Amino acid sequence: MILNLKQIEKISKALGDSNRLKILKAIQSHKGKLECTTITSSLNLAQPSVSHHIKKLVEAELIEPHKEGRFYFYSLNCDILDAYLSTLKRL
């Protein structure tokens, strides 16, 4: 999959914040799936701040939400990450 420049821009902006990178790293270190409250407590950030960062990561398609009961879990979208890296190599 090759991404267009608009998609590359959106992903790059999402990755340009250290808190978002920490969220991605936290999800990855928990076998690629993590619940929102765990993200909040592990990063020592306020819940509204985490929600904002998660929204940006979801909009960039870097993570995918999954609702289980009352809770939302987030998993990495490895396909989009691979496509992003592949497209950058071709620029």
PDB file of N, CA and C in Angstrom:
ATOM      1  N   MET A   1       0.847  -1.173   0.000  1.00  0.00           N
ATOM      2  CA  MET A   1       0.000   0.000   0.000  1.00  0.00           C
ATOM      3  C   MET A   1       0.897   1.243   0.000  1.00  0.00           C
ATOM      4  N   ILE A   2       0.625   2.148  -0.913  1.00  0.00           N
ATOM      5  CA  ILE A   2       1.336   3.417  -0.991  1.00  0.00           C
ATOM      6  C   ILE A   2       0.381   4.516  -0.531  1.00  0.00           C
ATOM      7  N   LEU A   3       0.853   5.347   0.360  1.00  0.00           N
ATOM      8  CA  LEU A   3       0.030   6.433   0.893  1.00  0.00           C
ATOM      9  C   LEU A   3       0.205   7.688   0.050  1.00  0.00           C
ATOM     10  N   ASN A   4      -0.840   8.517   0.005  1.00  0.00           N
ATOM     11  CA  ASN A   4      -0.708   9.791  -0.695  1.00  0.00           C
ATOM     12  C   ASN A   4      -0.060  10.818   0.238  1.00  0.00           C
ATOM     13  N   LEU A   5       0.318  11.945  -0.309  1.00  0.00           N
ATOM     14  CA  LEU A   5       1.038  12.955   0.472  1.00  0.00           C
ATOM     15  C   LEU A   5       0.212  13.509   1.621  1.00  0.00           C
ATOM     16  N   LYS A   6      -1.104  13.611   1.453  1.00  0.00           N
ATOM     17  CA  LYS A   6      -1.974  14.098   2.529  1.00  0.00           C
ATOM     18  C   LYS A   6      -1.936  13.138   3.720  1.00  0.00           C
ATOM     19  N   GLN A   7      -1.967  11.831   3.424  1.00  0.00           N
ATOM     20  CA  GLN A   7      -1.881  10.834   4.492  1.00  0.00           C
ATOM     21  C   GLN A   7      -0.518  10.889   5.191  1.00  0.00           C
ATOM     22  N   ILE A   8       0.540  11.048   4.423  1.00  0.00           N
ATOM     23  CA  ILE A   8       1.896  11.149   4.985  1.00  0.00           C
ATOM     24  C   ILE A   8       1.983  12.358   5.905  1.00  0.00           C
ATOM     25  N   GLU A   9       1.405  13.478   5.463  1.00  0.00           N
ATOM     26  CA  GLU A   9       1.421  14.700   6.268  1.00  0.00           C
ATOM     27  C   GLU A   9       0.678  14.493   7.591  1.00  0.00           C
ATOM     28  N   LYS A  10      -0.501  13.892   7.537  1.00  0.00           N
ATOM     29  CA  LYS A  10      -1.318  13.673   8.743  1.00  0.00           C
ATOM     30  C   LYS A  10      -0.594  12.761   9.733  1.00  0.00           C
ATOM     31  N   ILE A  11       0.004  11.701   9.234  1.00  0.00           N
ATOM     32  CA  ILE A  11       0.739  10.772  10.098  1.00  0.00           C
ATOM     33  C   ILE A  11       1.963  11.455  10.682  1.00  0.00           C
ATOM     34  N   SER A  12       2.684  12.195   9.867  1.00  0.00           N
ATOM     35  CA  SER A  12       3.883  12.887  10.340  1.00  0.00           C
ATOM     36  C   SER A  12       3.547  13.884  11.443  1.00  0.00           C
ATOM     37  N   LYS A  13       2.449  14.612  11.280  1.00  0.00           N
ATOM     38  CA  LYS A  13       2.029  15.550  12.319  1.00  0.00           C
ATOM     39  C   LYS A  13       1.665  14.817  13.603  1.00  0.00           C
ATOM     40  N   ALA A  14       0.980  13.693  13.465  1.00  0.00           N
ATOM     41  CA  ALA A  14       0.598  12.917  14.646  1.00  0.00           C
ATOM     42  C   ALA A  14       1.838  12.389  15.374  1.00  0.00           C
ATOM     43  N   LEU A  15       2.856  12.014  14.618  1.00  0.00           N
ATOM     44  CA  LEU A  15       4.079  11.484  15.220  1.00  0.00           C
ATOM     45  C   LEU A  15       5.003  12.587  15.739  1.00  0.00           C
ATOM     46  N   GLY A  16       4.661  13.833  15.477  1.00  0.00           N
ATOM     47  CA  GLY A  16       5.499  14.955  15.876  1.00  0.00           C
ATOM     48  C   GLY A  16       5.357  15.379  17.328  1.00  0.00           C
ATOM     49  N   ASP A  17       4.578  14.665  18.101  1.00  0.00           N
ATOM     50  CA  ASP A  17       4.373  15.001  19.510  1.00  0.00           C
ATOM     51  C   ASP A  17       4.910  13.873  20.376  1.00  0.00           C
ATOM     52  N   SER A  18       5.724  14.202  21.355  1.00  0.00           N
ATOM     53  CA  SER A  18       6.359  13.171  22.183  1.00  0.00           C
ATOM     54  C   SER A  18       5.345  12.366  22.994  1.00  0.00           C
ATOM     55  N   ASN A  19       4.252  12.988  23.425  1.00  0.00           N
ATOM     56  CA  ASN A  19       3.237  12.240  24.170  1.00  0.00           C
ATOM     57  C   ASN A  19       2.563  11.193  23.290  1.00  0.00           C
ATOM     58  N   ARG A  20       2.365  11.504  22.035  1.00  0.00           N
ATOM     59  CA  ARG A  20       1.763  10.533  21.118  1.00  0.00           C
ATOM     60  C   ARG A  20       2.724   9.380  20.862  1.00  0.00           C
ATOM     61  N   LEU A  21       3.999   9.692  20.763  1.00  0.00           N
ATOM     62  CA  LEU A  21       4.987   8.630  20.611  1.00  0.00           C
ATOM     63  C   LEU A  21       5.014   7.735  21.843  1.00  0.00           C
ATOM     64  N   LYS A  22       4.863   8.327  23.021  1.00  0.00           N
ATOM     65  CA  LYS A  22       4.811   7.549  24.257  1.00  0.00           C
ATOM     66  C   LYS A  22       3.584   6.645  24.281  1.00  0.00           C
ATOM     67  N   ILE A  23       2.469   7.143  23.777  1.00  0.00           N
ATOM     68  CA  ILE A  23       1.249   6.334  23.714  1.00  0.00           C
ATOM     69  C   ILE A  23       1.465   5.143  22.788  1.00  0.00           C
ATOM     70  N   LEU A  24       2.054   5.384  21.620  1.00  0.00           N
ATOM     71  CA  LEU A  24       2.328   4.291  20.691  1.00  0.00           C
ATOM     72  C   LEU A  24       3.265   3.265  21.321  1.00  0.00           C
ATOM     73  N   LYS A  25       4.282   3.758  22.013  1.00  0.00           N
ATOM     74  CA  LYS A  25       5.236   2.856  22.662  1.00  0.00           C
ATOM     75  C   LYS A  25       4.556   2.047  23.758  1.00  0.00           C
ATOM     76  N   ALA A  26       3.680   2.678  24.528  1.00  0.00           N
ATOM     77  CA  ALA A  26       2.954   1.979  25.593  1.00  0.00           C
ATOM     78  C   ALA A  26       2.063   0.887  25.008  1.00  0.00           C
ATOM     79  N   ILE A  27       1.364   1.197  23.924  1.00  0.00           N
ATOM     80  CA  ILE A  27       0.509   0.199  23.281  1.00  0.00           C
ATOM     81  C   ILE A  27       1.360  -0.963  22.768  1.00  0.00           C
ATOM     82  N   GLN A  28       2.465  -0.645  22.142  1.00  0.00           N
ATOM     83  CA  GLN A  28       3.343  -1.680  21.590  1.00  0.00           C
ATOM     84  C   GLN A  28       3.898  -2.577  22.692  1.00  0.00           C
ATOM     85  N   SER A  29       4.248  -1.991  23.819  1.00  0.00           N
ATOM     86  CA  SER A  29       4.846  -2.775  24.901  1.00  0.00           C
ATOM     87  C   SER A  29       3.827  -3.653  25.627  1.00  0.00           C
ATOM     88  N   HIS A  30       2.547  -3.420  25.389  1.00  0.00           N
ATOM     89  CA  HIS A  30       1.489  -4.249  25.976  1.00  0.00           C
ATOM     90  C   HIS A  30       0.864  -5.144  24.911  1.00  0.00           C
ATOM     91  N   LYS A  31       1.712  -5.753  24.128  1.00  0.00           N
ATOM     92  CA  LYS A  31       1.290  -6.696  23.074  1.00  0.00           C
ATOM     93  C   LYS A  31       0.361  -6.060  22.057  1.00  0.00           C
ATOM     94  N   GLY A  32       0.536  -4.766  21.825  1.00  0.00           N
ATOM     95  CA  GLY A  32      -0.201  -4.073  20.782  1.00  0.00           C
ATOM     96  C   GLY A  32      -1.629  -3.708  21.108  1.00  0.00           C
ATOM     97  N   LYS A  33      -2.035  -3.837  22.375  1.00  0.00           N
ATOM     98  CA  LYS A  33      -3.419  -3.512  22.751  1.00  0.00           C
ATOM     99  C   LYS A  33      -3.422  -2.965  24.170  1.00  0.00           C
ATOM    100  N   LEU A  34      -4.067  -1.800  24.347  1.00  0.00           N
ATOM    101  CA  LEU A  34      -4.044  -1.161  25.659  1.00  0.00           C
ATOM    102  C   LEU A  34      -5.344  -0.401  25.892  1.00  0.00           C
ATOM    103  N   GLU A  35      -5.816  -0.431  27.135  1.00  0.00           N
ATOM    104  CA  GLU A  35      -7.050   0.249  27.520  1.00  0.00           C
ATOM    105  C   GLU A  35      -6.738   1.705  27.857  1.00  0.00           C
ATOM    106  N   CYS A  36      -7.673   2.592  27.581  1.00  0.00           N
ATOM    107  CA  CYS A  36      -7.464   4.030  27.721  1.00  0.00           C
ATOM    108  C   CYS A  36      -7.039   4.451  29.129  1.00  0.00           C
ATOM    109  N   THR A  37      -7.678   3.921  30.162  1.00  0.00           N
ATOM    110  CA  THR A  37      -7.314   4.332  31.529  1.00  0.00           C
ATOM    111  C   THR A  37      -5.902   3.891  31.884  1.00  0.00           C
ATOM    112  N   THR A  38      -5.447   2.789  31.318  1.00  0.00           N
ATOM    113  CA  THR A  38      -4.068   2.333  31.538  1.00  0.00           C
ATOM    114  C   THR A  38      -3.086   3.308  30.892  1.00  0.00           C
ATOM    115  N   ILE A  39      -3.441   3.807  29.736  1.00  0.00           N
ATOM    116  CA  ILE A  39      -2.597   4.796  29.065  1.00  0.00           C
ATOM    117  C   ILE A  39      -2.498   6.047  29.937  1.00  0.00           C
ATOM    118  N   THR A  40      -3.633   6.487  30.456  1.00  0.00           N
ATOM    119  CA  THR A  40      -3.666   7.689  31.293  1.00  0.00           C
ATOM    120  C   THR A  40      -2.780   7.538  32.516  1.00  0.00           C
ATOM    121  N   SER A  41      -2.895   6.420  33.197  1.00  0.00           N
ATOM    122  CA  SER A  41      -2.112   6.234  34.428  1.00  0.00           C
ATOM    123  C   SER A  41      -0.640   5.974  34.144  1.00  0.00           C
ATOM    124  N   SER A  42      -0.329   5.262  33.074  1.00  0.00           N
ATOM    125  CA  SER A  42       1.073   4.939  32.799  1.00  0.00           C
ATOM    126  C   SER A  42       1.862   6.145  32.292  1.00  0.00           C
ATOM    127  N   LEU A  43       1.192   7.111  31.659  1.00  0.00           N
ATOM    128  CA  LEU A  43       1.891   8.277  31.135  1.00  0.00           C
ATOM    129  C   LEU A  43       1.820   9.478  32.064  1.00  0.00           C
ATOM    130  N   ASN A  44       1.043   9.349  33.146  1.00  0.00           N
ATOM    131  CA  ASN A  44       0.904  10.438  34.106  1.00  0.00           C
ATOM    132  C   ASN A  44       0.408  11.722  33.427  1.00  0.00           C
ATOM    133  N   LEU A  45      -0.584  11.555  32.569  1.00  0.00           N
ATOM    134  CA  LEU A  45      -1.220  12.685  31.888  1.00  0.00           C
ATOM    135  C   LEU A  45      -2.684  12.740  32.291  1.00  0.00           C
ATOM    136  N   ALA A  46      -3.261  13.922  32.225  1.00  0.00           N
ATOM    137  CA  ALA A  46      -4.680  14.087  32.513  1.00  0.00           C
ATOM    138  C   ALA A  46      -5.508  13.384  31.439  1.00  0.00           C
ATOM    139  N   GLN A  47      -6.666  12.883  31.825  1.00  0.00           N
ATOM    140  CA  GLN A  47      -7.518  12.146  30.897  1.00  0.00           C
ATOM    141  C   GLN A  47      -7.900  12.961  29.653  1.00  0.00           C
ATOM    142  N   PRO A  48      -8.247  14.253  29.779  1.00  0.00           N
ATOM    143  CA  PRO A  48      -8.562  15.026  28.568  1.00  0.00           C
ATOM    144  C   PRO A  48      -7.371  15.140  27.604  1.00  0.00           C
ATOM    145  N   SER A  49      -6.185  15.231  28.165  1.00  0.00           N
ATOM    146  CA  SER A  49      -4.984  15.306  27.334  1.00  0.00           C
ATOM    147  C   SER A  49      -4.758  13.993  26.577  1.00  0.00           C
ATOM    148  N   VAL A  50      -4.922  12.883  27.273  1.00  0.00           N
ATOM    149  CA  VAL A  50      -4.772  11.569  26.634  1.00  0.00           C
ATOM    150  C   VAL A  50      -5.836  11.397  25.547  1.00  0.00           C
ATOM    151  N   SER A  51      -7.060  11.798  25.832  1.00  0.00           N
ATOM    152  CA  SER A  51      -8.137  11.696  24.838  1.00  0.00           C
ATOM    153  C   SER A  51      -7.811  12.501  23.581  1.00  0.00           C
ATOM    154  N   HIS A  52      -7.265  13.688  23.768  1.00  0.00           N
ATOM    155  CA  HIS A  52      -6.870  14.523  22.624  1.00  0.00           C
ATOM    156  C   HIS A  52      -5.806  13.824  21.780  1.00  0.00           C
ATOM    157  N   HIS A  53      -4.784  13.291  22.433  1.00  0.00           N
ATOM    158  CA  HIS A  53      -3.702  12.620  21.711  1.00  0.00           C
ATOM    159  C   HIS A  53      -4.198  11.350  21.020  1.00  0.00           C
ATOM    160  N   ILE A  54      -5.058  10.610  21.695  1.00  0.00           N
ATOM    161  CA  ILE A  54      -5.615   9.400  21.092  1.00  0.00           C
ATOM    162  C   ILE A  54      -6.451   9.748  19.867  1.00  0.00           C
ATOM    163  N   LYS A  55      -7.220  10.821  19.960  1.00  0.00           N
ATOM    164  CA  LYS A  55      -8.037  11.252  18.819  1.00  0.00           C
ATOM    165  C   LYS A  55      -7.156  11.533  17.604  1.00  0.00           C
ATOM    166  N   LYS A  56      -6.048  12.219  17.818  1.00  0.00           N
ATOM    167  CA  LYS A  56      -5.123  12.525  16.715  1.00  0.00           C
ATOM    168  C   LYS A  56      -4.528  11.248  16.122  1.00  0.00           C
ATOM    169  N   LEU A  57      -4.193  10.282  16.977  1.00  0.00           N
ATOM    170  CA  LEU A  57      -3.616   9.023  16.499  1.00  0.00           C
ATOM    171  C   LEU A  57      -4.652   8.195  15.736  1.00  0.00           C
ATOM    172  N   VAL A  58      -5.903   8.235  16.184  1.00  0.00           N
ATOM    173  CA  VAL A  58      -6.971   7.523  15.476  1.00  0.00           C
ATOM    174  C   VAL A  58      -7.241   8.189  14.131  1.00  0.00           C
ATOM    175  N   GLU A  59      -7.283   9.522  14.111  1.00  0.00           N
ATOM    176  CA  GLU A  59      -7.512  10.248  12.850  1.00  0.00           C
ATOM    177  C   GLU A  59      -6.418   9.959  11.832  1.00  0.00           C
ATOM    178  N   ALA A  60      -5.195   9.772  12.303  1.00  0.00           N
ATOM    179  CA  ALA A  60      -4.078   9.452  11.418  1.00  0.00           C
ATOM    180  C   ALA A  60      -4.039   7.956  11.084  1.00  0.00           C
ATOM    181  N   GLU A  61      -4.974   7.199  11.653  1.00  0.00           N
ATOM    182  CA  GLU A  61      -5.100   5.759  11.459  1.00  0.00           C
ATOM    183  C   GLU A  61      -3.918   4.965  12.015  1.00  0.00           C
ATOM    184  N   LEU A  62      -3.174   5.559  12.940  1.00  0.00           N
ATOM    185  CA  LEU A  62      -2.041   4.865  13.546  1.00  0.00           C
ATOM    186  C   LEU A  62      -2.488   3.859  14.602  1.00  0.00           C
ATOM    187  N   ILE A  63      -3.632   4.131  15.233  1.00  0.00           N
ATOM    188  CA  ILE A  63      -4.211   3.188  16.190  1.00  0.00           C
ATOM    189  C   ILE A  63      -5.677   2.996  15.848  1.00  0.00           C
ATOM    190  N   GLU A  64      -6.204   1.859  16.294  1.00  0.00           N
ATOM    191  CA  GLU A  64      -7.603   1.538  16.028  1.00  0.00           C
ATOM    192  C   GLU A  64      -8.325   1.295  17.347  1.00  0.00           C
ATOM    193  N   PRO A  65      -9.500   1.917  17.524  1.00  0.00           N
ATOM    194  CA  PRO A  65     -10.265   1.701  18.760  1.00  0.00           C
ATOM    195  C   PRO A  65     -11.112   0.433  18.679  1.00  0.00           C
ATOM    196  N   HIS A  66     -11.241  -0.233  19.816  1.00  0.00           N
ATOM    197  CA  HIS A  66     -12.094  -1.417  19.936  1.00  0.00           C
ATOM    198  C   HIS A  66     -12.843  -1.294  21.248  1.00  0.00           C
ATOM    199  N   LYS A  67     -14.154  -1.311  21.195  1.00  0.00           N
ATOM    200  CA  LYS A  67     -14.951  -1.200  22.418  1.00  0.00           C
ATOM    201  C   LYS A  67     -15.264  -2.599  22.940  1.00  0.00           C
ATOM    202  N   GLU A  68     -14.952  -2.794  24.210  1.00  0.00           N
ATOM    203  CA  GLU A  68     -15.262  -4.055  24.882  1.00  0.00           C
ATOM    204  C   GLU A  68     -16.009  -3.698  26.162  1.00  0.00           C
ATOM    205  N   GLY A  69     -17.305  -3.918  26.139  1.00  0.00           N
ATOM    206  CA  GLY A  69     -18.125  -3.503  27.274  1.00  0.00           C
ATOM    207  C   GLY A  69     -18.149  -1.988  27.370  1.00  0.00           C
ATOM    208  N   ARG A  70     -17.775  -1.469  28.534  1.00  0.00           N
ATOM    209  CA  ARG A  70     -17.745  -0.011  28.727  1.00  0.00           C
ATOM    210  C   ARG A  70     -16.400   0.599  28.368  1.00  0.00           C
ATOM    211  N   PHE A  71     -15.433  -0.215  28.054  1.00  0.00           N
ATOM    212  CA  PHE A  71     -14.070   0.272  27.884  1.00  0.00           C
ATOM    213  C   PHE A  71     -13.619   0.271  26.429  1.00  0.00           C
ATOM    214  N   TYR A  72     -12.774   1.237  26.116  1.00  0.00           N
ATOM    215  CA  TYR A  72     -12.150   1.284  24.802  1.00  0.00           C
ATOM    216  C   TYR A  72     -10.715   0.815  24.920  1.00  0.00           C
ATOM    217  N   PHE A  73     -10.349  -0.071  24.011  1.00  0.00           N
ATOM    218  CA  PHE A  73      -8.978  -0.536  23.888  1.00  0.00           C
ATOM    219  C   PHE A  73      -8.446  -0.015  22.564  1.00  0.00           C
ATOM    220  N   TYR A  74      -7.156   0.223  22.521  1.00  0.00           N
ATOM    221  CA  TYR A  74      -6.526   0.739  21.309  1.00  0.00           C
ATOM    222  C   TYR A  74      -5.410  -0.195  20.901  1.00  0.00           C
ATOM    223  N   SER A  75      -5.354  -0.458  19.609  1.00  0.00           N
ATOM    224  CA  SER A  75      -4.301  -1.319  19.081  1.00  0.00           C
ATOM    225  C   SER A  75      -3.587  -0.607  17.943  1.00  0.00           C
ATOM    226  N   LEU A  76      -2.347  -0.993  17.746  1.00  0.00           N
ATOM    227  CA  LEU A  76      -1.552  -0.405  16.676  1.00  0.00           C
ATOM    228  C   LEU A  76      -2.068  -0.872  15.327  1.00  0.00           C
ATOM    229  N   ASN A  77      -2.042   0.013  14.364  1.00  0.00           N
ATOM    230  CA  ASN A  77      -2.376  -0.335  12.990  1.00  0.00           C
ATOM    231  C   ASN A  77      -1.050  -0.552  12.266  1.00  0.00           C
ATOM    232  N   CYS A  78      -0.548  -1.768  12.342  1.00  0.00           N
ATOM    233  CA  CYS A  78       0.760  -2.076  11.769  1.00  0.00           C
ATOM    234  C   CYS A  78       0.792  -1.906  10.260  1.00  0.00           C
ATOM    235  N   ASP A  79      -0.342  -2.129   9.598  1.00  0.00           N
ATOM    236  CA  ASP A  79      -0.391  -1.967   8.141  1.00  0.00           C
ATOM    237  C   ASP A  79      -0.111  -0.522   7.742  1.00  0.00           C
ATOM    238  N   ILE A  80      -0.712   0.425   8.455  1.00  0.00           N
ATOM    239  CA  ILE A  80      -0.502   1.837   8.110  1.00  0.00           C
ATOM    240  C   ILE A  80       0.914   2.273   8.472  1.00  0.00           C
ATOM    241  N   LEU A  81       1.452   1.738   9.566  1.00  0.00           N
ATOM    242  CA  LEU A  81       2.835   2.059   9.935  1.00  0.00           C
ATOM    243  C   LEU A  81       3.807   1.552   8.879  1.00  0.00           C
ATOM    244  N   ASP A  82       3.597   0.330   8.409  1.00  0.00           N
ATOM    245  CA  ASP A  82       4.453  -0.232   7.360  1.00  0.00           C
ATOM    246  C   ASP A  82       4.328   0.563   6.062  1.00  0.00           C
ATOM    247  N   ALA A  83       3.094   0.935   5.716  1.00  0.00           N
ATOM    248  CA  ALA A  83       2.867   1.714   4.494  1.00  0.00           C
ATOM    249  C   ALA A  83       3.523   3.091   4.599  1.00  0.00           C
ATOM    250  N   TYR A  84       3.452   3.689   5.784  1.00  0.00           N
ATOM    251  CA  TYR A  84       4.075   4.996   6.022  1.00  0.00           C
ATOM    252  C   TYR A  84       5.582   4.915   5.794  1.00  0.00           C
ATOM    253  N   LEU A  85       6.221   3.930   6.404  1.00  0.00           N
ATOM    254  CA  LEU A  85       7.670   3.782   6.248  1.00  0.00           C
ATOM    255  C   LEU A  85       8.048   3.468   4.802  1.00  0.00           C
ATOM    256  N   SER A  86       7.283   2.620   4.173  1.00  0.00           N
ATOM    257  CA  SER A  86       7.539   2.263   2.790  1.00  0.00           C
ATOM    258  C   SER A  86       7.413   3.461   1.855  1.00  0.00           C
ATOM    259  N   THR A  87       6.372   4.272   2.089  1.00  0.00           N
ATOM    260  CA  THR A  87       6.158   5.455   1.261  1.00  0.00           C
ATOM    261  C   THR A  87       7.260   6.481   1.484  1.00  0.00           C
ATOM    262  N   LEU A  88       7.686   6.649   2.723  1.00  0.00           N
ATOM    263  CA  LEU A  88       8.788   7.584   2.990  1.00  0.00           C
ATOM    264  C   LEU A  88      10.064   7.181   2.295  1.00  0.00           C
ATOM    265  N   LYS A  89      10.332   5.899   2.237  1.00  0.00           N
ATOM    266  CA  LYS A  89      11.537   5.408   1.554  1.00  0.00           C
ATOM    267  C   LYS A  89      11.506   5.724   0.057  1.00  0.00           C
ATOM    268  N   ARG A  90      10.310   5.822  -0.497  1.00  0.00           N
ATOM    269  CA  ARG A  90      10.158   6.071  -1.938  1.00  0.00           C
ATOM    270  C   ARG A  90      10.173   7.559  -2.295  1.00  0.00           C
ATOM    271  N   LEU A  91      10.097   8.429  -1.298  1.00  0.00           N
ATOM    272  CA  LEU A  91      10.071   9.874  -1.592  1.00  0.00           C
ATOM    273  C   LEU A  91      11.424  10.355  -2.048  1.00  0.00           C
TER     274      LEU A  91
END
